[in-house]
C-alpha cells in the first residue's frame, strides 16, 4: 500500500510518531510495531497501579492514571491506554493494542491487535480486529470491522489508486480521521475509509470510500477490484 498514513490521519509532531508510527509509511506496517510502541509509551507515562475489583488486567498492560475503568473488564497485554480514556463494563481488550487519549471503549466491545488514535469512540457492542482508527472516528452500535476472509486468503486493500496485498491472513479496516460508521454496519476485511467519510446504518461495505463521501448503498460504492 503506497498511500502513507498521513493521507488518512493527522499525526502530532512528537518523538513517538517520529520514531515508531511514521507518517510517511503505510499504516498497515504499524500493526507490527504495537509491542514496541507499548514499551515506548509506558516508559514515559504516569501509569495506573491499582485496579477496580473484578477488572482482569494481564501482564504487559500499561494504563494512564487518568483512565476510567469499570468494575468488570478484561485487558491483555501488550497494551497501552492513554490519558482520559473511558473503558466501560465488559469491554474485552485483547493482546497488541494501542489506545490513544480521550477514547471510549464501550460495553461489550472487543478490540484486538489494533491502534486507536485520540478521541476514537467505539461505545456499544463493537468488534475491532487488526485495524487502525483515526482521530475522532466513531463506530455506531453493533458495527463490526471484520478481519478474516471466508476463504482464509490474505487480505487485499484498494486505496483508491492500486490494489495492495497485505500478505496477512487477518486485517480489518483503515478508518480515517473523523470518519463515522452507522449502527450495525460491517466493514469487510481490507476496507478503507478516507477522512470524514460517513457510512449509513446496516451497510455491508467492501472497498475504498473517498474523503468526505456519504455512503447509503454499498452496492454502488464497493470499488475493490475482483480478488
Protein backbone atom coordinates (compact mmCIF):
# COMPACT_ATOMS: atom_id res chain seq x y z
CA UNK A 1 0.00 0.00 0.00
CA UNK A 2 1.75 3.13 -1.22
CA UNK A 3 -0.65 5.59 0.45
CA UNK A 4 1.10 6.97 3.55
CA UNK A 5 -0.56 7.15 6.94
CA UNK A 6 -0.66 10.96 6.73
CA UNK A 7 -3.23 10.65 3.93
CA UNK A 8 -5.74 9.30 6.46
CA UNK A 9 -4.57 10.62 9.82
CA UNK A 10 -3.32 13.89 11.28
CA UNK A 11 -0.35 12.90 13.42
CA UNK A 12 1.30 15.08 16.06
CA UNK A 13 4.93 16.00 15.66
CA UNK A 14 6.12 14.03 18.67
CA UNK A 15 9.07 11.75 19.29
CA UNK A 16 6.66 8.81 19.44
CA UNK A 17 5.35 9.29 15.92
CA UNK A 18 8.72 10.28 14.51
CA UNK A 19 10.27 7.06 15.81
CA UNK A 20 7.51 4.44 15.66
CA UNK A 21 4.28 5.20 13.81
CA UNK A 22 5.80 7.07 10.89
CA UNK A 23 3.51 9.45 8.95
CA UNK A 24 5.16 8.62 5.64
CA UNK A 25 4.79 4.82 5.76
CA UNK A 26 1.82 2.59 5.11
CA UNK A 27 -0.42 2.28 8.17
CA UNK A 28 -0.51 -1.48 7.53
CA UNK A 29 3.06 -1.61 8.82
CA UNK A 30 2.01 -0.03 12.10
CA UNK A 31 0.39 -3.22 13.40
CA UNK A 32 3.76 -4.98 13.59
CA UNK A 33 5.09 -2.14 15.75
CA UNK A 34 2.48 -2.30 18.50
CA UNK A 35 4.63 -4.17 21.09
CA UNK A 36 7.47 -1.68 20.58
CA UNK A 37 5.03 1.23 20.81
CA UNK A 38 3.61 -0.06 24.10
CA UNK A 39 7.08 -0.17 25.68
CA UNK A 40 7.90 3.31 24.40
CA UNK A 41 4.68 4.84 25.74
CA UNK A 42 4.83 3.04 29.07
CA UNK A 43 8.31 4.39 29.80
CA UNK A 44 7.18 8.00 29.89
CA UNK A 45 3.70 7.87 31.40
CA UNK A 46 2.01 8.14 34.78
CA UNK A 47 0.80 4.53 34.99
CA UNK A 48 -2.16 3.25 36.99
CA UNK A 49 -1.20 0.61 39.55
CA UNK A 50 -4.47 -0.02 41.43
CA UNK A 51 -7.43 -1.52 39.58
CA UNK A 52 -11.12 -1.90 40.41
CA UNK A 53 -12.37 -5.18 41.83
CA UNK A 54 -13.11 -7.81 39.16
CA UNK A 55 -11.19 -5.89 36.49
CA UNK A 56 -8.93 -8.58 34.99
CA UNK A 57 -5.63 -6.95 33.94
CA UNK A 58 -2.93 -9.12 32.37
CA UNK A 59 0.83 -8.71 32.16
CA UNK A 60 2.27 -6.03 29.91
CA UNK A 61 -0.72 -3.70 30.30
CA UNK A 62 0.03 -0.01 30.89
CA UNK A 63 -2.89 2.28 31.69
CA UNK A 64 -2.57 6.01 32.27
CA UNK A 65 -3.59 7.05 35.76
CA UNK A 66 -6.47 9.19 34.46
CA UNK A 67 -8.19 6.33 32.59
CA UNK A 68 -11.67 5.47 33.89
CA UNK A 69 -12.01 1.74 34.45
CA UNK A 70 -15.23 -0.16 35.25
CA UNK A 71 -15.55 -2.83 37.90
CA UNK A 72 -15.62 -5.55 35.23
CA UNK A 73 -13.48 -5.73 32.08
CA UNK A 74 -10.64 -7.82 30.65
CA UNK A 75 -7.41 -6.29 29.29
CA UNK A 76 -4.49 -8.33 27.95
CA UNK A 77 -1.00 -7.14 27.08
CA UNK A 78 0.92 -5.84 25.41
CA UNK A 79 -1.42 -2.88 25.64
CA UNK A 80 -1.24 0.84 26.30
CA UNK A 81 -4.27 3.03 27.11
CA UNK A 82 -3.81 6.81 27.02
CA UNK A 83 -4.91 9.66 29.26
CA UNK A 84 -8.58 10.44 29.77
CA UNK A 85 -9.90 7.33 28.02
CA UNK A 86 -13.03 5.65 29.38
CA UNK A 87 -13.36 1.86 29.47
CA UNK A 88 -16.95 0.71 30.02
CA UNK A 89 -18.25 -2.52 31.61
CA UNK A 90 -17.48 -5.88 30.00
CA UNK A 91 -15.04 -4.44 27.46
CA UNK A 92 -12.53 -7.02 26.20
CA UNK A 93 -9.22 -5.54 25.06
CA UNK A 94 -7.05 -8.32 23.70
CA UNK A 95 -3.32 -8.52 23.00
CA UNK A 96 -1.48 -5.90 20.95
CA UNK A 97 -3.45 -2.69 21.30
CA UNK A 98 -2.51 0.96 21.49
CA UNK A 99 -5.43 3.16 22.52
CA UNK A 100 -4.93 6.92 22.50
CA UNK A 101 -6.19 9.73 24.69
CA UNK A 102 -9.83 10.64 25.35
CA UNK A 103 -11.21 7.48 23.70
CA UNK A 104 -14.31 5.50 24.66
CA UNK A 105 -14.23 1.69 24.64
CA UNK A 106 -17.83 0.71 25.21
CA UNK A 107 -19.78 -2.02 26.91
CA UNK A 108 -19.15 -5.47 25.46
CA UNK A 109 -16.77 -4.03 22.85
CA UNK A 110 -13.83 -6.20 21.76
CA UNK A 111 -10.57 -4.75 20.43
CA UNK A 112 -7.74 -6.92 19.14
CA UNK A 113 -4.35 -6.09 17.56
CA UNK A 114 -5.44 -2.56 16.73
CA UNK A 115 -4.43 1.09 17.00
CA UNK A 116 -6.93 3.75 18.04
CA UNK A 117 -5.69 7.33 17.80
CA UNK A 118 -7.03 10.13 20.01
CA UNK A 119 -10.73 10.73 20.58
CA UNK A 120 -11.95 7.48 19.00
CA UNK A 121 -15.40 6.33 20.14
CA UNK A 122 -16.41 2.66 19.89
CA UNK A 123 -19.09 2.81 22.56
CA UNK A 124 -21.56 -0.03 22.05
CA UNK A 125 -21.11 -3.73 21.14
CA UNK A 126 -18.35 -3.21 18.57
CA UNK A 127 -15.69 -5.57 17.22
CA UNK A 128 -12.40 -4.03 16.08
CA UNK A 129 -9.90 -6.57 14.73
CA UNK A 130 -6.47 -5.81 13.21
CA UNK A 131 -7.47 -2.25 12.34
CA UNK A 132 -6.35 1.37 12.60
CA UNK A 133 -8.87 4.03 13.61
CA UNK A 134 -8.13 7.72 13.12
CA UNK A 135 -8.63 10.68 15.41
CA UNK A 136 -12.25 11.29 16.47
CA UNK A 137 -13.61 8.46 14.34
CA UNK A 138 -16.81 6.87 15.58
CA UNK A 139 -18.50 3.48 15.23
CA UNK A 140 -22.22 3.20 15.88
CA UNK A 141 -23.74 0.43 17.97
CA UNK A 142 -23.07 -3.06 16.64
CA UNK A 143 -20.50 -2.07 14.00
CA UNK A 144 -18.05 -4.84 13.10
CA UNK A 145 -14.64 -4.38 11.48
CA UNK A 146 -14.24 -7.91 10.10
CA UNK A 147 -10.68 -9.13 9.74
CA UNK A 148 -10.85 -12.61 8.16
CA UNK A 149 -11.89 -13.62 4.65
CA UNK A 150 -14.17 -16.63 4.37
CA UNK A 151 -11.66 -18.30 2.06
CA UNK A 152 -8.82 -17.59 4.52
CA UNK A 153 -6.71 -15.96 1.79
CA UNK A 154 -4.55 -12.94 2.54
CA UNK A 155 -6.43 -9.65 2.74
CA UNK A 156 -6.11 -7.18 -0.14
CA UNK A 157 -6.58 -3.42 0.10
CA UNK A 158 -7.64 -0.95 -2.57
CA UNK A 159 -6.67 2.59 -1.58
CA UNK A 160 -8.37 4.33 -4.50
CA UNK A 161 -5.31 4.01 -6.73
CA UNK A 162 -3.96 0.47 -6.55
CA UNK A 163 -4.57 -2.97 -5.07
CA UNK A 164 -2.18 -3.99 -2.32
CA UNK A 165 -1.82 -7.48 -0.86
CA UNK A 166 -1.18 -7.18 2.87
CA UNK A 167 0.13 -10.76 3.00
CA UNK A 168 -1.87 -11.03 6.20
CA UNK A 169 -4.49 -13.65 6.87
CA UNK A 170 -6.13 -11.16 9.22
CA UNK A 171 -6.54 -7.48 8.52
CA UNK A 172 -9.55 -5.33 9.28
CA UNK A 173 -10.05 -1.70 8.22
CA UNK A 174 -8.32 1.64 7.95
CA UNK A 175 -10.72 4.28 9.25
CA UNK A 176 -9.61 7.87 8.68
CA UNK A 177 -9.90 10.88 10.97
CA UNK A 178 -13.49 11.93 11.75
CA UNK A 179 -14.98 9.03 9.75
CA UNK A 180 -18.28 7.66 11.05
CA UNK A 181 -19.96 4.29 10.59
CA UNK A 182 -23.66 3.83 11.28
CA UNK A 183 -25.23 1.23 13.55
CA UNK A 184 -24.99 -2.46 12.61
CA UNK A 185 -22.82 -1.88 9.55
CA UNK A 186 -19.98 -4.25 8.63
CA UNK A 187 -16.67 -3.22 7.09
CA UNK A 188 -15.27 -6.28 5.34
CA UNK A 189 -11.55 -7.14 5.51
CA UNK A 190 -9.35 -4.54 3.83
CA UNK A 191 -11.93 -1.74 3.70
CA UNK A 192 -10.52 1.80 3.71
CA UNK A 193 -12.46 4.89 4.77
CA UNK A 194 -10.78 8.21 4.00
CA UNK A 195 -11.10 11.24 6.26
CA UNK A 196 -14.57 12.49 7.24
CA UNK A 197 -16.39 9.80 5.27
CA UNK A 198 -19.73 8.58 6.57
CA UNK A 199 -21.34 5.16 6.23
CA UNK A 200 -25.07 4.75 6.85
CA UNK A 201 -26.58 2.12 9.13
CA UNK A 202 -26.93 -1.51 8.02
CA UNK A 203 -24.39 -1.25 5.20
CA UNK A 204 -22.20 -4.22 4.26
CA UNK A 205 -19.18 -2.50 2.77
CA UNK A 206 -16.09 -3.67 0.93
CA UNK A 207 -13.52 -1.43 -0.74
CA UNK A 208 -12.43 2.20 -0.66
CA UNK A 209 -14.51 5.22 0.32
CA UNK A 210 -13.18 8.64 -0.63
CA UNK A 211 -12.71 11.63 1.62
CA UNK A 212 -15.97 13.28 2.69
CA UNK A 213 -18.17 10.68 0.98
CA UNK A 214 -21.58 9.71 2.40
CA UNK A 215 -22.42 6.10 1.58
CA UNK A 216 -26.05 4.97 1.75
CA UNK A 217 -25.86 1.93 -0.55
CA UNK A 218 -22.76 -0.26 -0.58
CA UNK A 219 -23.63 -1.84 -3.93
CA UNK A 220 -22.77 1.40 -5.72
CA UNK A 221 -19.62 2.08 -3.79
CA UNK A 222 -17.88 -1.27 -3.45
CA UNK A 223 -14.89 -0.39 -5.60
CA UNK A 224 -12.34 -3.07 -4.73
CA UNK A 225 -11.34 -4.85 -7.95
CA UNK A 226 -12.05 -8.59 -8.06
CA UNK A 227 -9.62 -10.58 -5.91
